[in-house]
Amino acid sequence: MFIEHLPPESHTMTALRNALTPEQLAAQAEGGEPEKSRWSQTEQLLAVVADRVARLEWVLICVNTEKKKQRPDPPEPIRRPGAGPRKKKAQLTEKSANTLLQLLQGGAA
């Protein structure tokens, strides 16, 4: 119980991590939930800086890309404690566009 509350950079937590097999490490990386951990103010500020640098890089790429279709999606911010991952915006498919058009024209879906 006490071990769970040690900082990740402690010797004990480092030794436990180093003892994991590659499969165990991959499973932890896949199922990691950073939003449930504790972060210091320094870690919060570092995440803000990392997010803003990623956003600047994205803007620079978009400004120098002529075709909108070739532009990358905006970067995902680093997940913070207490905040779940961002939900993806719904994409308008051809089928849903046709349904919407029928509804706007007074037809039933």
N, C-alpha and C. Protein backbone atom coordinates (compact mmCIF):
# COMPACT_ATOMS: atom_id res chain seq x y z
N MET A 1 0.82 -1.19 0.00
CA MET A 1 0.00 0.00 0.00
C MET A 1 0.87 1.25 0.00
N PHE A 2 1.90 1.29 0.84
CA PHE A 2 2.75 2.47 0.91
C PHE A 2 3.56 2.64 -0.38
N ILE A 3 3.90 1.53 -1.00
CA ILE A 3 4.71 1.58 -2.21
C ILE A 3 3.97 2.31 -3.33
N GLU A 4 2.65 2.15 -3.39
CA GLU A 4 1.85 2.79 -4.43
C GLU A 4 1.96 4.31 -4.41
N HIS A 5 2.28 4.88 -3.25
CA HIS A 5 2.31 6.33 -3.12
C HIS A 5 3.72 6.91 -3.24
N LEU A 6 4.68 6.07 -3.56
CA LEU A 6 6.04 6.58 -3.79
C LEU A 6 6.09 7.31 -5.13
N PRO A 7 6.93 8.32 -5.24
CA PRO A 7 7.05 9.01 -6.54
C PRO A 7 7.64 8.06 -7.59
N PRO A 8 7.25 8.22 -8.85
CA PRO A 8 7.72 7.30 -9.89
C PRO A 8 9.23 7.29 -10.05
N GLU A 9 9.89 8.38 -9.68
CA GLU A 9 11.34 8.44 -9.85
C GLU A 9 12.10 7.88 -8.64
N SER A 10 11.38 7.36 -7.62
CA SER A 10 12.05 6.79 -6.44
C SER A 10 12.82 5.53 -6.83
N HIS A 11 13.78 5.16 -6.01
CA HIS A 11 14.59 3.97 -6.28
C HIS A 11 13.73 2.71 -6.29
N THR A 12 12.78 2.64 -5.36
CA THR A 12 11.92 1.46 -5.28
C THR A 12 11.10 1.29 -6.54
N MET A 13 10.44 2.38 -6.99
CA MET A 13 9.60 2.29 -8.18
C MET A 13 10.45 2.02 -9.43
N THR A 14 11.64 2.59 -9.48
CA THR A 14 12.54 2.33 -10.60
C THR A 14 12.96 0.87 -10.63
N ALA A 15 13.28 0.31 -9.47
CA ALA A 15 13.66 -1.11 -9.40
C ALA A 15 12.49 -2.01 -9.82
N LEU A 16 11.28 -1.67 -9.40
CA LEU A 16 10.11 -2.46 -9.79
C LEU A 16 9.89 -2.39 -11.31
N ARG A 17 10.04 -1.20 -11.88
CA ARG A 17 9.88 -1.04 -13.33
C ARG A 17 10.95 -1.81 -14.09
N ASN A 18 12.18 -1.75 -13.60
CA ASN A 18 13.29 -2.44 -14.28
C ASN A 18 13.15 -3.95 -14.22
N ALA A 19 12.38 -4.46 -13.27
CA ALA A 19 12.19 -5.90 -13.14
C ALA A 19 11.07 -6.43 -14.04
N LEU A 20 10.32 -5.54 -14.68
CA LEU A 20 9.22 -5.97 -15.54
C LEU A 20 9.74 -6.56 -16.84
N THR A 21 9.00 -7.52 -17.37
CA THR A 21 9.33 -8.09 -18.67
C THR A 21 8.86 -7.12 -19.76
N PRO A 22 9.38 -7.26 -20.99
CA PRO A 22 8.91 -6.39 -22.08
C PRO A 22 7.40 -6.48 -22.29
N GLU A 23 6.82 -7.66 -22.10
CA GLU A 23 5.37 -7.83 -22.26
C GLU A 23 4.62 -7.05 -21.19
N GLN A 24 5.11 -7.10 -19.96
CA GLN A 24 4.47 -6.37 -18.87
C GLN A 24 4.57 -4.86 -19.09
N LEU A 25 5.73 -4.40 -19.57
CA LEU A 25 5.91 -2.98 -19.87
C LEU A 25 4.95 -2.53 -20.97
N ALA A 26 4.80 -3.35 -22.01
CA ALA A 26 3.89 -3.02 -23.11
C ALA A 26 2.45 -2.95 -22.61
N ALA A 27 2.07 -3.88 -21.74
CA ALA A 27 0.71 -3.88 -21.20
C ALA A 27 0.46 -2.63 -20.36
N GLN A 28 1.46 -2.23 -19.57
CA GLN A 28 1.30 -1.02 -18.76
C GLN A 28 1.23 0.22 -19.64
N ALA A 29 2.03 0.26 -20.68
CA ALA A 29 2.02 1.42 -21.58
C ALA A 29 0.69 1.52 -22.30
N GLU A 30 0.13 0.37 -22.67
CA GLU A 30 -1.15 0.35 -23.40
C GLU A 30 -2.30 0.78 -22.50
N GLY A 31 -2.27 0.34 -21.25
CA GLY A 31 -3.37 0.62 -20.34
C GLY A 31 -3.11 1.77 -19.39
N GLY A 32 -2.06 2.55 -19.63
CA GLY A 32 -1.72 3.65 -18.74
C GLY A 32 -2.81 4.70 -18.67
N GLU A 33 -3.02 5.24 -17.50
CA GLU A 33 -4.02 6.28 -17.29
C GLU A 33 -3.38 7.44 -16.51
N PRO A 34 -2.63 8.30 -17.21
CA PRO A 34 -1.95 9.38 -16.49
C PRO A 34 -2.91 10.34 -15.80
N GLU A 35 -4.15 10.40 -16.27
CA GLU A 35 -5.10 11.32 -15.64
C GLU A 35 -5.50 10.88 -14.23
N LYS A 36 -5.14 9.64 -13.85
CA LYS A 36 -5.45 9.16 -12.51
C LYS A 36 -4.26 9.27 -11.56
N SER A 37 -3.14 9.78 -12.03
CA SER A 37 -1.96 9.89 -11.17
C SER A 37 -1.88 11.28 -10.55
N ARG A 38 -0.88 11.47 -9.72
CA ARG A 38 -0.67 12.77 -9.11
C ARG A 38 0.43 13.49 -9.86
N TRP A 39 0.23 14.78 -10.09
CA TRP A 39 1.25 15.59 -10.75
C TRP A 39 1.57 16.78 -9.88
N SER A 40 2.84 17.15 -9.87
CA SER A 40 3.24 18.36 -9.17
C SER A 40 2.94 19.57 -10.06
N GLN A 41 3.08 20.75 -9.50
CA GLN A 41 2.86 21.97 -10.27
C GLN A 41 3.88 22.05 -11.41
N THR A 42 5.10 21.60 -11.15
CA THR A 42 6.13 21.61 -12.19
C THR A 42 5.74 20.71 -13.35
N GLU A 43 5.22 19.54 -13.06
CA GLU A 43 4.78 18.62 -14.12
C GLU A 43 3.62 19.21 -14.91
N GLN A 44 2.70 19.89 -14.22
CA GLN A 44 1.58 20.54 -14.90
C GLN A 44 2.10 21.62 -15.86
N LEU A 45 3.02 22.44 -15.39
CA LEU A 45 3.57 23.51 -16.23
C LEU A 45 4.36 22.94 -17.40
N LEU A 46 5.09 21.88 -17.18
CA LEU A 46 5.84 21.24 -18.25
C LEU A 46 4.91 20.68 -19.33
N ALA A 47 3.78 20.14 -18.91
CA ALA A 47 2.79 19.63 -19.86
C ALA A 47 2.22 20.78 -20.70
N VAL A 48 1.98 21.92 -20.07
CA VAL A 48 1.48 23.09 -20.81
C VAL A 48 2.50 23.52 -21.86
N VAL A 49 3.76 23.58 -21.46
CA VAL A 49 4.82 23.97 -22.41
C VAL A 49 4.90 22.98 -23.56
N ALA A 50 4.87 21.68 -23.25
CA ALA A 50 4.94 20.66 -24.30
C ALA A 50 3.75 20.78 -25.25
N ASP A 51 2.56 21.02 -24.72
CA ASP A 51 1.37 21.18 -25.57
C ASP A 51 1.49 22.39 -26.48
N ARG A 52 2.00 23.47 -25.95
CA ARG A 52 2.12 24.70 -26.76
C ARG A 52 3.20 24.56 -27.83
N VAL A 53 4.27 23.88 -27.52
CA VAL A 53 5.31 23.64 -28.54
C VAL A 53 4.74 22.75 -29.65
N ALA A 54 4.00 21.72 -29.27
CA ALA A 54 3.37 20.84 -30.28
C ALA A 54 2.39 21.62 -31.13
N ARG A 55 1.65 22.54 -30.52
CA ARG A 55 0.68 23.35 -31.28
C ARG A 55 1.41 24.29 -32.24
N LEU A 56 2.51 24.89 -31.80
CA LEU A 56 3.29 25.75 -32.68
C LEU A 56 3.86 24.98 -33.87
N GLU A 57 4.35 23.77 -33.60
CA GLU A 57 4.86 22.92 -34.68
C GLU A 57 3.74 22.62 -35.68
N TRP A 58 2.54 22.31 -35.18
CA TRP A 58 1.40 22.01 -36.04
C TRP A 58 1.02 23.21 -36.90
N VAL A 59 0.99 24.39 -36.28
CA VAL A 59 0.67 25.62 -37.02
C VAL A 59 1.70 25.86 -38.11
N LEU A 60 2.97 25.67 -37.79
CA LEU A 60 4.03 25.87 -38.77
C LEU A 60 3.87 24.92 -39.96
N ILE A 61 3.53 23.69 -39.70
CA ILE A 61 3.31 22.71 -40.78
C ILE A 61 2.10 23.13 -41.61
N CYS A 62 1.01 23.53 -40.96
CA CYS A 62 -0.20 23.93 -41.68
C CYS A 62 0.03 25.16 -42.55
N VAL A 63 0.78 26.12 -42.05
CA VAL A 63 1.06 27.35 -42.81
C VAL A 63 1.88 27.03 -44.05
N ASN A 64 2.73 26.03 -43.98
CA ASN A 64 3.61 25.70 -45.10
C ASN A 64 3.09 24.54 -45.96
N THR A 65 1.84 24.15 -45.75
CA THR A 65 1.22 23.10 -46.55
C THR A 65 0.12 23.74 -47.38
N GLU A 66 0.24 23.62 -48.70
CA GLU A 66 -0.70 24.30 -49.59
C GLU A 66 -2.10 23.69 -49.55
N LYS A 67 -2.21 22.38 -49.63
CA LYS A 67 -3.51 21.74 -49.71
C LYS A 67 -4.02 21.39 -48.31
N LYS A 68 -5.27 21.75 -48.05
CA LYS A 68 -5.86 21.48 -46.74
C LYS A 68 -5.92 19.99 -46.43
N LYS A 69 -6.12 19.17 -47.44
CA LYS A 69 -6.21 17.72 -47.22
C LYS A 69 -4.90 17.13 -46.73
N GLN A 70 -3.78 17.78 -47.03
CA GLN A 70 -2.47 17.26 -46.63
C GLN A 70 -2.07 17.71 -45.23
N ARG A 71 -2.85 18.62 -44.66
CA ARG A 71 -2.52 19.13 -43.33
C ARG A 71 -2.82 18.07 -42.27
N PRO A 72 -1.95 17.94 -41.29
CA PRO A 72 -2.19 16.94 -40.24
C PRO A 72 -3.28 17.39 -39.28
N ASP A 73 -3.80 16.46 -38.52
CA ASP A 73 -4.76 16.78 -37.47
C ASP A 73 -4.03 17.54 -36.36
N PRO A 74 -4.74 18.39 -35.62
CA PRO A 74 -4.08 19.10 -34.52
C PRO A 74 -3.58 18.11 -33.46
N PRO A 75 -2.51 18.45 -32.77
CA PRO A 75 -1.95 17.52 -31.78
C PRO A 75 -2.88 17.35 -30.58
N GLU A 76 -2.84 16.16 -30.02
CA GLU A 76 -3.60 15.87 -28.80
C GLU A 76 -2.81 16.42 -27.61
N PRO A 77 -3.47 17.13 -26.70
CA PRO A 77 -2.74 17.60 -25.51
C PRO A 77 -2.39 16.43 -24.60
N ILE A 78 -1.37 16.61 -23.82
CA ILE A 78 -0.97 15.59 -22.84
C ILE A 78 -2.09 15.46 -21.82
N ARG A 79 -2.47 14.21 -21.53
CA ARG A 79 -3.55 14.00 -20.56
C ARG A 79 -3.07 14.39 -19.17
N ARG A 80 -3.91 15.13 -18.48
CA ARG A 80 -3.60 15.59 -17.13
C ARG A 80 -4.39 14.79 -16.09
N PRO A 81 -3.89 14.77 -14.83
CA PRO A 81 -4.65 14.12 -13.78
C PRO A 81 -6.03 14.76 -13.62
N GLY A 82 -7.04 13.92 -13.49
CA GLY A 82 -8.39 14.43 -13.30
C GLY A 82 -9.13 14.76 -14.58
N ALA A 83 -8.49 14.59 -15.74
CA ALA A 83 -9.13 14.88 -17.02
C ALA A 83 -8.99 13.68 -17.93
N GLY A 84 -10.10 13.21 -18.44
CA GLY A 84 -10.08 12.08 -19.35
C GLY A 84 -9.60 12.49 -20.73
N PRO A 85 -9.38 11.53 -21.62
CA PRO A 85 -8.94 11.87 -22.98
C PRO A 85 -10.03 12.63 -23.72
N ARG A 86 -9.62 13.49 -24.63
CA ARG A 86 -10.56 14.25 -25.43
C ARG A 86 -11.36 13.33 -26.33
N LYS A 87 -12.62 13.67 -26.51
CA LYS A 87 -13.46 12.90 -27.41
C LYS A 87 -13.27 13.42 -28.82
N LYS A 88 -13.24 12.49 -29.75
CA LYS A 88 -13.10 12.85 -31.15
C LYS A 88 -14.39 13.48 -31.65
N LYS A 89 -14.24 14.49 -32.53
CA LYS A 89 -15.41 15.10 -33.14
C LYS A 89 -15.99 14.13 -34.17
N ALA A 90 -17.30 14.11 -34.23
CA ALA A 90 -17.98 13.23 -35.18
C ALA A 90 -17.71 13.71 -36.60
N GLN A 91 -17.41 12.77 -37.49
CA GLN A 91 -17.16 13.08 -38.89
C GLN A 91 -18.45 12.90 -39.68
N LEU A 92 -18.72 13.83 -40.59
CA LEU A 92 -19.90 13.75 -41.43
C LEU A 92 -19.61 12.81 -42.59
N THR A 93 -20.27 11.66 -42.59
CA THR A 93 -20.09 10.70 -43.67
C THR A 93 -21.07 11.03 -44.79
N GLU A 94 -20.88 10.40 -45.94
CA GLU A 94 -21.77 10.65 -47.08
C GLU A 94 -23.20 10.21 -46.75
N LYS A 95 -23.33 9.09 -46.06
CA LYS A 95 -24.66 8.59 -45.70
C LYS A 95 -25.38 9.57 -44.76
N SER A 96 -24.65 10.05 -43.73
CA SER A 96 -25.29 10.97 -42.79
C SER A 96 -25.55 12.33 -43.44
N ALA A 97 -24.73 12.72 -44.41
CA ALA A 97 -24.97 13.96 -45.14
C ALA A 97 -26.24 13.85 -45.98
N ASN A 98 -26.44 12.70 -46.62
CA ASN A 98 -27.65 12.48 -47.40
C ASN A 98 -28.90 12.48 -46.51
N THR A 99 -28.79 11.84 -45.35
CA THR A 99 -29.90 11.82 -44.40
C THR A 99 -30.23 13.24 -43.94
N LEU A 100 -29.22 14.01 -43.62
CA LEU A 100 -29.40 15.39 -43.22
C LEU A 100 -30.05 16.22 -44.32
N LEU A 101 -29.62 16.02 -45.53
CA LEU A 101 -30.18 16.74 -46.67
C LEU A 101 -31.67 16.39 -46.85
N GLN A 102 -32.01 15.12 -46.70
CA GLN A 102 -33.41 14.70 -46.80
C GLN A 102 -34.26 15.35 -45.70
N LEU A 103 -33.72 15.40 -44.50
CA LEU A 103 -34.44 16.02 -43.39
C LEU A 103 -34.64 17.51 -43.63
N LEU A 104 -33.63 18.17 -44.15
CA LEU A 104 -33.73 19.61 -44.44
C LEU A 104 -34.73 19.90 -45.54
N GLN A 105 -34.90 18.96 -46.45
CA GLN A 105 -35.83 19.13 -47.57
C GLN A 105 -37.24 18.68 -47.20
N GLY A 106 -37.45 18.31 -45.96
CA GLY A 106 -38.78 17.94 -45.50
C GLY A 106 -39.11 16.48 -45.61
N GLY A 107 -38.15 15.65 -46.01
CA GLY A 107 -38.39 14.21 -46.13
C GLY A 107 -38.10 13.49 -44.83
N ALA A 108 -38.60 12.31 -44.70
CA ALA A 108 -38.34 11.49 -43.51
C ALA A 108 -37.05 10.70 -43.72
N ALA A 109 -36.36 10.44 -42.66
CA ALA A 109 -35.09 9.73 -42.74
C ALA A 109 -35.29 8.25 -42.93
